[in-house]
């Protein structure tokens, strides 16, 4: 696990206590892209947490962005988020 992924994981675990968390650093696929030169990486986050219960998809994304706010200007250029509740995970293919 690289340092950026470790920082993202630590922030999300502390803020949302996820049941499941998978972070993929997809930065290499974006080499040469303008944002890649800024130092921020491209990440895909799959997170399952009870904290998302009763919240809309945009509210869930806001929670994730709030947890990562300090990293958005340095470590993260692009972030793809799939945020589910534990109940949704069990019914998701």
PDB file of N, CA and C in Angstrom:
ATOM      1  N   UNK A   1       0.866  -1.176   0.000  1.00  0.00           N
ATOM      2  CA  UNK A   1       0.000   0.000   0.000  1.00  0.00           C
ATOM      3  C   UNK A   1       0.909   1.235   0.000  1.00  0.00           C
ATOM      4  N   UNK A   2       0.619   2.172  -0.920  1.00  0.00           N
ATOM      5  CA  UNK A   2       1.446   3.374  -0.955  1.00  0.00           C
ATOM      6  C   UNK A   2       0.976   4.384   0.110  1.00  0.00           C
ATOM      7  N   UNK A   3       1.791   5.422   0.312  1.00  0.00           N
ATOM      8  CA  UNK A   3       1.503   6.400   1.372  1.00  0.00           C
ATOM      9  C   UNK A   3       0.177   7.126   1.180  1.00  0.00           C
ATOM     10  N   UNK A   4      -0.147   7.476  -0.060  1.00  0.00           N
ATOM     11  CA  UNK A   4      -1.410   8.181  -0.310  1.00  0.00           C
ATOM     12  C   UNK A   4      -2.597   7.307   0.051  1.00  0.00           C
ATOM     13  N   UNK A   5      -2.561   6.060  -0.379  1.00  0.00           N
ATOM     14  CA  UNK A   5      -3.658   5.142  -0.061  1.00  0.00           C
ATOM     15  C   UNK A   5      -3.761   4.972   1.449  1.00  0.00           C
ATOM     16  N   UNK A   6      -2.637   4.878   2.132  1.00  0.00           N
ATOM     17  CA  UNK A   6      -2.650   4.730   3.595  1.00  0.00           C
ATOM     18  C   UNK A   6      -3.285   5.959   4.260  1.00  0.00           C
ATOM     19  N   UNK A   7      -2.975   7.146   3.766  1.00  0.00           N
ATOM     20  CA  UNK A   7      -3.575   8.364   4.347  1.00  0.00           C
ATOM     21  C   UNK A   7      -5.082   8.397   4.089  1.00  0.00           C
ATOM     22  N   UNK A   8      -5.496   8.048   2.874  1.00  0.00           N
ATOM     23  CA  UNK A   8      -6.924   8.013   2.545  1.00  0.00           C
ATOM     24  C   UNK A   8      -7.632   7.002   3.438  1.00  0.00           C
ATOM     25  N   UNK A   9      -7.053   5.823   3.556  1.00  0.00           N
ATOM     26  CA  UNK A   9      -7.662   4.783   4.384  1.00  0.00           C
ATOM     27  C   UNK A   9      -7.794   5.232   5.836  1.00  0.00           C
ATOM     28  N   UNK A  10      -6.747   5.821   6.381  1.00  0.00           N
ATOM     29  CA  UNK A  10      -6.786   6.260   7.784  1.00  0.00           C
ATOM     30  C   UNK A  10      -7.889   7.283   8.013  1.00  0.00           C
ATOM     31  N   UNK A  11      -8.034   8.252   7.101  1.00  0.00           N
ATOM     32  CA  UNK A  11      -9.061   9.291   7.257  1.00  0.00           C
ATOM     33  C   UNK A  11     -10.462   8.680   7.192  1.00  0.00           C
ATOM     34  N   UNK A  12     -10.676   7.786   6.222  1.00  0.00           N
ATOM     35  CA  UNK A  12     -12.009   7.190   6.057  1.00  0.00           C
ATOM     36  C   UNK A  12     -12.362   6.273   7.219  1.00  0.00           C
ATOM     37  N   UNK A  13     -11.401   5.505   7.696  1.00  0.00           N
ATOM     38  CA  UNK A  13     -11.668   4.624   8.847  1.00  0.00           C
ATOM     39  C   UNK A  13     -11.994   5.445  10.094  1.00  0.00           C
ATOM     40  N   UNK A  14     -11.275   6.518  10.311  1.00  0.00           N
ATOM     41  CA  UNK A  14     -11.507   7.351  11.492  1.00  0.00           C
ATOM     42  C   UNK A  14     -12.856   8.057  11.434  1.00  0.00           C
ATOM     43  N   UNK A  15     -13.226   8.543  10.255  1.00  0.00           N
ATOM     44  CA  UNK A  15     -14.452   9.335  10.128  1.00  0.00           C
ATOM     45  C   UNK A  15     -15.717   8.496   9.981  1.00  0.00           C
ATOM     46  N   UNK A  16     -15.622   7.356   9.299  1.00  0.00           N
ATOM     47  CA  UNK A  16     -16.840   6.631   8.933  1.00  0.00           C
ATOM     48  C   UNK A  16     -16.920   5.201   9.457  1.00  0.00           C
ATOM     49  N   UNK A  17     -15.874   4.703  10.080  1.00  0.00           N
ATOM     50  CA  UNK A  17     -15.848   3.343  10.638  1.00  0.00           C
ATOM     51  C   UNK A  17     -16.462   2.320   9.672  1.00  0.00           C
ATOM     52  N   UNK A  18     -15.911   2.207   8.467  1.00  0.00           N
ATOM     53  CA  UNK A  18     -16.521   1.329   7.471  1.00  0.00           C
ATOM     54  C   UNK A  18     -16.413  -0.158   7.819  1.00  0.00           C
ATOM     55  N   UNK A  19     -17.416  -0.911   7.385  1.00  0.00           N
ATOM     56  CA  UNK A  19     -17.393  -2.364   7.495  1.00  0.00           C
ATOM     57  C   UNK A  19     -16.467  -2.937   6.424  1.00  0.00           C
ATOM     58  N   UNK A  20     -16.413  -2.247   5.306  1.00  0.00           N
ATOM     59  CA  UNK A  20     -15.593  -2.681   4.182  1.00  0.00           C
ATOM     60  C   UNK A  20     -15.045  -1.445   3.491  1.00  0.00           C
ATOM     61  N   UNK A  21     -13.781  -1.518   3.087  1.00  0.00           N
ATOM     62  CA  UNK A  21     -13.143  -0.387   2.428  1.00  0.00           C
ATOM     63  C   UNK A  21     -12.103  -0.912   1.453  1.00  0.00           C
ATOM     64  N   UNK A  22     -12.214  -0.471   0.214  1.00  0.00           N
ATOM     65  CA  UNK A  22     -11.250  -0.843  -0.812  1.00  0.00           C
ATOM     66  C   UNK A  22     -10.872   0.428  -1.560  1.00  0.00           C
ATOM     67  N   UNK A  23      -9.590   0.705  -1.619  1.00  0.00           N
ATOM     68  CA  UNK A  23      -9.091   1.904  -2.293  1.00  0.00           C
ATOM     69  C   UNK A  23      -8.120   1.459  -3.372  1.00  0.00           C
ATOM     70  N   UNK A  24      -8.391   1.883  -4.593  1.00  0.00           N
ATOM     71  CA  UNK A  24      -7.526   1.540  -5.717  1.00  0.00           C
ATOM     72  C   UNK A  24      -6.886   2.814  -6.244  1.00  0.00           C
ATOM     73  N   UNK A  25      -5.556   2.803  -6.312  1.00  0.00           N
ATOM     74  CA  UNK A  25      -4.805   3.920  -6.878  1.00  0.00           C
ATOM     75  C   UNK A  25      -4.719   3.690  -8.380  1.00  0.00           C
ATOM     76  N   UNK A  26      -5.428   4.494  -9.122  1.00  0.00           N
ATOM     77  CA  UNK A  26      -5.501   4.359 -10.579  1.00  0.00           C
ATOM     78  C   UNK A  26      -4.657   5.441 -11.266  1.00  0.00           C
ATOM     79  N   UNK A  27      -3.732   6.029 -10.534  1.00  0.00           N
ATOM     80  CA  UNK A  27      -2.944   7.151 -11.040  1.00  0.00           C
ATOM     81  C   UNK A  27      -2.121   6.792 -12.269  1.00  0.00           C
ATOM     82  N   UNK A  28      -1.565   5.607 -12.301  1.00  0.00           N
ATOM     83  CA  UNK A  28      -0.707   5.212 -13.423  1.00  0.00           C
ATOM     84  C   UNK A  28      -1.455   5.262 -14.752  1.00  0.00           C
ATOM     85  N   UNK A  29      -2.743   4.997 -14.722  1.00  0.00           N
ATOM     86  CA  UNK A  29      -3.546   5.017 -15.948  1.00  0.00           C
ATOM     87  C   UNK A  29      -3.761   6.434 -16.468  1.00  0.00           C
ATOM     88  N   UNK A  30      -3.413   7.426 -15.655  1.00  0.00           N
ATOM     89  CA  UNK A  30      -3.636   8.822 -16.032  1.00  0.00           C
ATOM     90  C   UNK A  30      -2.334   9.596 -16.202  1.00  0.00           C
ATOM     91  N   UNK A  31      -1.228   8.891 -16.318  1.00  0.00           N
ATOM     92  CA  UNK A  31       0.072   9.548 -16.496  1.00  0.00           C
ATOM     93  C   UNK A  31       0.030  10.447 -17.719  1.00  0.00           C
ATOM     94  N   UNK A  32       0.569  11.639 -17.569  1.00  0.00           N
ATOM     95  CA  UNK A  32       0.571  12.584 -18.678  1.00  0.00           C
ATOM     96  C   UNK A  32      -0.628  13.503 -18.692  1.00  0.00           C
ATOM     97  N   UNK A  33      -1.665  13.156 -17.985  1.00  0.00           N
ATOM     98  CA  UNK A  33      -2.875  13.965 -17.867  1.00  0.00           C
ATOM     99  C   UNK A  33      -2.542  15.201 -17.026  1.00  0.00           C
ATOM    100  N   UNK A  34      -3.114  16.325 -17.350  1.00  0.00           N
ATOM    101  CA  UNK A  34      -2.776  17.598 -16.701  1.00  0.00           C
ATOM    102  C   UNK A  34      -2.863  17.521 -15.178  1.00  0.00           C
ATOM    103  N   UNK A  35      -3.894  16.906 -14.647  1.00  0.00           N
ATOM    104  CA  UNK A  35      -4.043  16.805 -13.201  1.00  0.00           C
ATOM    105  C   UNK A  35      -3.002  15.930 -12.555  1.00  0.00           C
ATOM    106  N   UNK A  36      -2.502  14.948 -13.297  1.00  0.00           N
ATOM    107  CA  UNK A  36      -1.487  14.058 -12.757  1.00  0.00           C
ATOM    108  C   UNK A  36      -0.203  14.829 -12.471  1.00  0.00           C
ATOM    109  N   UNK A  37       0.057  15.879 -13.220  1.00  0.00           N
ATOM    110  CA  UNK A  37       1.262  16.684 -13.005  1.00  0.00           C
ATOM    111  C   UNK A  37       1.171  17.528 -11.743  1.00  0.00           C
ATOM    112  N   UNK A  38      -0.041  17.755 -11.232  1.00  0.00           N
ATOM    113  CA  UNK A  38      -0.200  18.585 -10.038  1.00  0.00           C
ATOM    114  C   UNK A  38       0.216  17.843  -8.773  1.00  0.00           C
ATOM    115  N   UNK A  39       0.481  16.564  -8.883  1.00  0.00           N
ATOM    116  CA  UNK A  39       0.890  15.788  -7.721  1.00  0.00           C
ATOM    117  C   UNK A  39      -0.225  14.974  -7.108  1.00  0.00           C
ATOM    118  N   UNK A  40      -1.459  15.273  -7.439  1.00  0.00           N
ATOM    119  CA  UNK A  40      -2.584  14.518  -6.914  1.00  0.00           C
ATOM    120  C   UNK A  40      -2.829  13.264  -7.726  1.00  0.00           C
ATOM    121  N   UNK A  41      -3.324  12.228  -7.067  1.00  0.00           N
ATOM    122  CA  UNK A  41      -3.579  10.966  -7.738  1.00  0.00           C
ATOM    123  C   UNK A  41      -5.038  10.741  -8.045  1.00  0.00           C
ATOM    124  N   UNK A  42      -5.286   9.678  -8.797  1.00  0.00           N
ATOM    125  CA  UNK A  42      -6.638   9.247  -9.169  1.00  0.00           C
ATOM    126  C   UNK A  42      -6.967   7.990  -8.359  1.00  0.00           C
ATOM    127  N   UNK A  43      -8.072   8.024  -7.645  1.00  0.00           N
ATOM    128  CA  UNK A  43      -8.419   6.919  -6.763  1.00  0.00           C
ATOM    129  C   UNK A  43      -9.873   6.494  -6.936  1.00  0.00           C
ATOM    130  N   UNK A  44     -10.097   5.195  -6.749  1.00  0.00           N
ATOM    131  CA  UNK A  44     -11.438   4.617  -6.720  1.00  0.00           C
ATOM    132  C   UNK A  44     -11.649   4.093  -5.302  1.00  0.00           C
ATOM    133  N   UNK A  45     -12.748   4.515  -4.681  1.00  0.00           N
ATOM    134  CA  UNK A  45     -13.055   4.099  -3.313  1.00  0.00           C
ATOM    135  C   UNK A  45     -14.379   3.342  -3.301  1.00  0.00           C
ATOM    136  N   UNK A  46     -14.339   2.136  -2.742  1.00  0.00           N
ATOM    137  CA  UNK A  46     -15.540   1.343  -2.482  1.00  0.00           C
ATOM    138  C   UNK A  46     -15.633   1.276  -0.965  1.00  0.00           C
ATOM    139  N   UNK A  47     -16.723   1.811  -0.411  1.00  0.00           N
ATOM    140  CA  UNK A  47     -16.853   1.881   1.038  1.00  0.00           C
ATOM    141  C   UNK A  47     -18.263   1.475   1.465  1.00  0.00           C
ATOM    142  N   UNK A  48     -18.310   0.627   2.473  1.00  0.00           N
ATOM    143  CA  UNK A  48     -19.578   0.176   3.051  1.00  0.00           C
ATOM    144  C   UNK A  48     -19.573   0.606   4.509  1.00  0.00           C
ATOM    145  N   UNK A  49     -20.555   1.440   4.878  1.00  0.00           N
ATOM    146  CA  UNK A  49     -20.589   1.951   6.250  1.00  0.00           C
ATOM    147  C   UNK A  49     -22.022   2.222   6.697  1.00  0.00           C
ATOM    148  N   UNK A  50     -22.283   1.940   7.953  1.00  0.00           N
ATOM    149  CA  UNK A  50     -23.596   2.229   8.530  1.00  0.00           C
ATOM    150  C   UNK A  50     -23.870   3.736   8.530  1.00  0.00           C
ATOM    151  N   UNK A  51     -22.821   4.542   8.507  1.00  0.00           N
ATOM    152  CA  UNK A  51     -22.976   6.001   8.505  1.00  0.00           C
ATOM    153  C   UNK A  51     -23.742   6.508   7.289  1.00  0.00           C
ATOM    154  N   UNK A  52     -23.854   5.696   6.255  1.00  0.00           N
ATOM    155  CA  UNK A  52     -24.550   6.112   5.037  1.00  0.00           C
ATOM    156  C   UNK A  52     -26.052   5.848   5.088  1.00  0.00           C
ATOM    157  N   UNK A  53     -26.519   5.147   6.098  1.00  0.00           N
ATOM    158  CA  UNK A  53     -27.947   4.811   6.203  1.00  0.00           C
ATOM    159  C   UNK A  53     -28.802   6.076   6.211  1.00  0.00           C
ATOM    160  N   UNK A  54     -29.844   6.076   5.405  1.00  0.00           N
ATOM    161  CA  UNK A  54     -30.778   7.189   5.354  1.00  0.00           C
ATOM    162  C   UNK A  54     -30.252   8.407   4.608  1.00  0.00           C
ATOM    163  N   UNK A  55     -29.118   8.277   3.960  1.00  0.00           N
ATOM    164  CA  UNK A  55     -28.529   9.411   3.245  1.00  0.00           C
ATOM    165  C   UNK A  55     -28.568   9.173   1.739  1.00  0.00           C
ATOM    166  N   UNK A  56     -28.741  10.245   1.000  1.00  0.00           N
ATOM    167  CA  UNK A  56     -28.756  10.167  -0.459  1.00  0.00           C
ATOM    168  C   UNK A  56     -27.321   9.943  -0.959  1.00  0.00           C
ATOM    169  N   UNK A  57     -27.172   9.538  -2.217  1.00  0.00           N
ATOM    170  CA  UNK A  57     -25.820   9.364  -2.760  1.00  0.00           C
ATOM    171  C   UNK A  57     -24.959  10.620  -2.631  1.00  0.00           C
ATOM    172  N   UNK A  58     -25.524  11.780  -2.879  1.00  0.00           N
ATOM    173  CA  UNK A  58     -24.713  13.003  -2.768  1.00  0.00           C
ATOM    174  C   UNK A  58     -24.313  13.277  -1.325  1.00  0.00           C
ATOM    175  N   UNK A  59     -25.182  12.985  -0.374  1.00  0.00           N
ATOM    176  CA  UNK A  59     -24.831  13.158   1.039  1.00  0.00           C
ATOM    177  C   UNK A  59     -23.714  12.198   1.443  1.00  0.00           C
ATOM    178  N   UNK A  60     -23.754  10.992   0.906  1.00  0.00           N
ATOM    179  CA  UNK A  60     -22.699  10.006   1.182  1.00  0.00           C
ATOM    180  C   UNK A  60     -21.363  10.498   0.622  1.00  0.00           C
ATOM    181  N   UNK A  61     -21.398  11.006  -0.603  1.00  0.00           N
ATOM    182  CA  UNK A  61     -20.170  11.514  -1.220  1.00  0.00           C
ATOM    183  C   UNK A  61     -19.630  12.702  -0.427  1.00  0.00           C
ATOM    184  N   UNK A  62     -20.515  13.530   0.075  1.00  0.00           N
ATOM    185  CA  UNK A  62     -20.076  14.673   0.888  1.00  0.00           C
ATOM    186  C   UNK A  62     -19.376  14.211   2.162  1.00  0.00           C
ATOM    187  N   UNK A  63     -19.892  13.159   2.781  1.00  0.00           N
ATOM    188  CA  UNK A  63     -19.242  12.617   3.976  1.00  0.00           C
ATOM    189  C   UNK A  63     -17.824  12.135   3.660  1.00  0.00           C
ATOM    190  N   UNK A  64     -17.688  11.447   2.533  1.00  0.00           N
ATOM    191  CA  UNK A  64     -16.366  10.971   2.129  1.00  0.00           C
ATOM    192  C   UNK A  64     -15.449  12.163   1.849  1.00  0.00           C
ATOM    193  N   UNK A  65     -15.952  13.141   1.107  1.00  0.00           N
ATOM    194  CA  UNK A  65     -15.142  14.324   0.793  1.00  0.00           C
ATOM    195  C   UNK A  65     -14.763  15.094   2.062  1.00  0.00           C
ATOM    196  N   UNK A  66     -15.664  15.182   3.029  1.00  0.00           N
ATOM    197  CA  UNK A  66     -15.346  15.860   4.295  1.00  0.00           C
ATOM    198  C   UNK A  66     -14.216  15.134   5.021  1.00  0.00           C
ATOM    199  N   UNK A  67     -14.267  13.815   5.017  1.00  0.00           N
ATOM    200  CA  UNK A  67     -13.224  13.031   5.684  1.00  0.00           C
ATOM    201  C   UNK A  67     -11.864  13.213   5.019  1.00  0.00           C
ATOM    202  N   UNK A  68     -11.880  13.497   3.717  1.00  0.00           N
ATOM    203  CA  UNK A  68     -10.640  13.610   2.948  1.00  0.00           C
ATOM    204  C   UNK A  68     -10.276  15.049   2.600  1.00  0.00           C
ATOM    205  N   UNK A  69     -10.955  16.005   3.181  1.00  0.00           N
ATOM    206  CA  UNK A  69     -10.816  17.414   2.786  1.00  0.00           C
ATOM    207  C   UNK A  69      -9.373  17.889   2.720  1.00  0.00           C
ATOM    208  N   UNK A  70      -8.581  17.564   3.726  1.00  0.00           N
ATOM    209  CA  UNK A  70      -7.203  18.051   3.735  1.00  0.00           C
ATOM    210  C   UNK A  70      -6.332  17.385   2.668  1.00  0.00           C
ATOM    211  N   UNK A  71      -6.767  16.257   2.140  1.00  0.00           N
ATOM    212  CA  UNK A  71      -5.993  15.560   1.107  1.00  0.00           C
ATOM    213  C   UNK A  71      -6.397  15.960  -0.310  1.00  0.00           C
ATOM    214  N   UNK A  72      -7.533  16.638  -0.434  1.00  0.00           N
ATOM    215  CA  UNK A  72      -8.046  16.972  -1.763  1.00  0.00           C
ATOM    216  C   UNK A  72      -7.163  17.986  -2.503  1.00  0.00           C
ATOM    217  N   UNK A  73      -6.401  18.761  -1.783  1.00  0.00           N
ATOM    218  CA  UNK A  73      -5.547  19.749  -2.452  1.00  0.00           C
ATOM    219  C   UNK A  73      -4.111  19.258  -2.638  1.00  0.00           C
ATOM    220  N   UNK A  74      -3.805  18.090  -2.088  1.00  0.00           N
ATOM    221  CA  UNK A  74      -2.429  17.607  -2.199  1.00  0.00           C
ATOM    222  C   UNK A  74      -2.329  16.198  -2.770  1.00  0.00           C
ATOM    223  N   UNK A  75      -3.008  15.255  -2.170  1.00  0.00           N
ATOM    224  CA  UNK A  75      -2.863  13.846  -2.550  1.00  0.00           C
ATOM    225  C   UNK A  75      -3.872  13.359  -3.572  1.00  0.00           C
ATOM    226  N   UNK A  76      -5.013  14.025  -3.659  1.00  0.00           N
ATOM    227  CA  UNK A  76      -6.105  13.529  -4.510  1.00  0.00           C
ATOM    228  C   UNK A  76      -6.440  14.546  -5.591  1.00  0.00           C
ATOM    229  N   UNK A  77      -6.388  14.097  -6.834  1.00  0.00           N
ATOM    230  CA  UNK A  77      -6.826  14.932  -7.960  1.00  0.00           C
ATOM    231  C   UNK A  77      -8.219  14.499  -8.415  1.00  0.00           C
ATOM    232  N   UNK A  78      -8.443  13.182  -8.465  1.00  0.00           N
ATOM    233  CA  UNK A  78      -9.736  12.646  -8.906  1.00  0.00           C
ATOM    234  C   UNK A  78     -10.137  11.499  -7.981  1.00  0.00           C
ATOM    235  N   UNK A  79     -11.430  11.459  -7.657  1.00  0.00           N
ATOM    236  CA  UNK A  79     -11.923  10.461  -6.719  1.00  0.00           C
ATOM    237  C   UNK A  79     -13.256   9.907  -7.213  1.00  0.00           C
ATOM    238  N   UNK A  80     -13.293   8.603  -7.409  1.00  0.00           N
ATOM    239  CA  UNK A  80     -14.528   7.911  -7.763  1.00  0.00           C
ATOM    240  C   UNK A  80     -14.993   7.175  -6.511  1.00  0.00           C
ATOM    241  N   UNK A  81     -16.274   7.341  -6.162  1.00  0.00           N
ATOM    242  CA  UNK A  81     -16.772   6.796  -4.899  1.00  0.00           C
ATOM    243  C   UNK A  81     -17.979   5.897  -5.143  1.00  0.00           C
ATOM    244  N   UNK A  82     -17.943   4.708  -4.556  1.00  0.00           N
ATOM    245  CA  UNK A  82     -19.118   3.835  -4.482  1.00  0.00           C
ATOM    246  C   UNK A  82     -19.354   3.641  -2.993  1.00  0.00           C
ATOM    247  N   UNK A  83     -20.427   4.235  -2.469  1.00  0.00           N
ATOM    248  CA  UNK A  83     -20.709   4.238  -1.036  1.00  0.00           C
ATOM    249  C   UNK A  83     -22.034   3.535  -0.766  1.00  0.00           C
ATOM    250  N   UNK A  84     -21.977   2.462   0.004  1.00  0.00           N
ATOM    251  CA  UNK A  84     -23.157   1.653   0.296  1.00  0.00           C
ATOM    252  C   UNK A  84     -23.338   1.459   1.794  1.00  0.00           C
ATOM    253  N   UNK A  85     -24.566   1.145   2.195  1.00  0.00           N
ATOM    254  CA  UNK A  85     -24.831   0.716   3.566  1.00  0.00           C
ATOM    255  C   UNK A  85     -24.576  -0.787   3.625  1.00  0.00           C
ATOM    256  N   UNK A  86     -24.426  -1.352   4.817  1.00  0.00           N
ATOM    257  CA  UNK A  86     -24.253  -2.806   4.913  1.00  0.00           C
ATOM    258  C   UNK A  86     -25.417  -3.570   4.277  1.00  0.00           C
ATOM    259  N   UNK A  87     -26.624  -3.046   4.402  1.00  0.00           N
ATOM    260  CA  UNK A  87     -27.797  -3.723   3.808  1.00  0.00           C
ATOM    261  C   UNK A  87     -27.729  -3.698   2.284  1.00  0.00           C
ATOM    262  N   UNK A  88     -27.276  -2.608   1.730  1.00  0.00           N
ATOM    263  CA  UNK A  88     -27.163  -2.498   0.268  1.00  0.00           C
ATOM    264  C   UNK A  88     -26.080  -3.428  -0.265  1.00  0.00           C
ATOM    265  N   UNK A  89     -25.022  -3.576   0.477  1.00  0.00           N
ATOM    266  CA  UNK A  89     -23.933  -4.461   0.043  1.00  0.00           C
ATOM    267  C   UNK A  89     -24.445  -5.885  -0.091  1.00  0.00           C
ATOM    268  N   UNK A  90     -25.250  -6.328   0.862  1.00  0.00           N
ATOM    269  CA  UNK A  90     -25.724  -7.706   0.823  1.00  0.00           C
ATOM    270  C   UNK A  90     -26.663  -7.968  -0.341  1.00  0.00           C
ATOM    271  N   UNK A  91     -27.273  -6.912  -0.886  1.00  0.00           N
ATOM    272  CA  UNK A  91     -28.168  -7.107  -2.020  1.00  0.00           C
ATOM    273  C   UNK A  91     -27.536  -6.667  -3.346  1.00  0.00           C
ATOM    274  N   UNK A  92     -26.288  -6.227  -3.284  1.00  0.00           N
ATOM    275  CA  UNK A  92     -25.601  -5.732  -4.469  1.00  0.00           C
ATOM    276  C   UNK A  92     -24.813  -6.876  -5.121  1.00  0.00           C
ATOM    277  N   UNK A  93     -24.953  -7.018  -6.435  1.00  0.00           N
ATOM    278  CA  UNK A  93     -24.225  -8.112  -7.112  1.00  0.00           C
ATOM    279  C   UNK A  93     -22.726  -7.926  -7.075  1.00  0.00           C
TER     280      UNK A  93
END
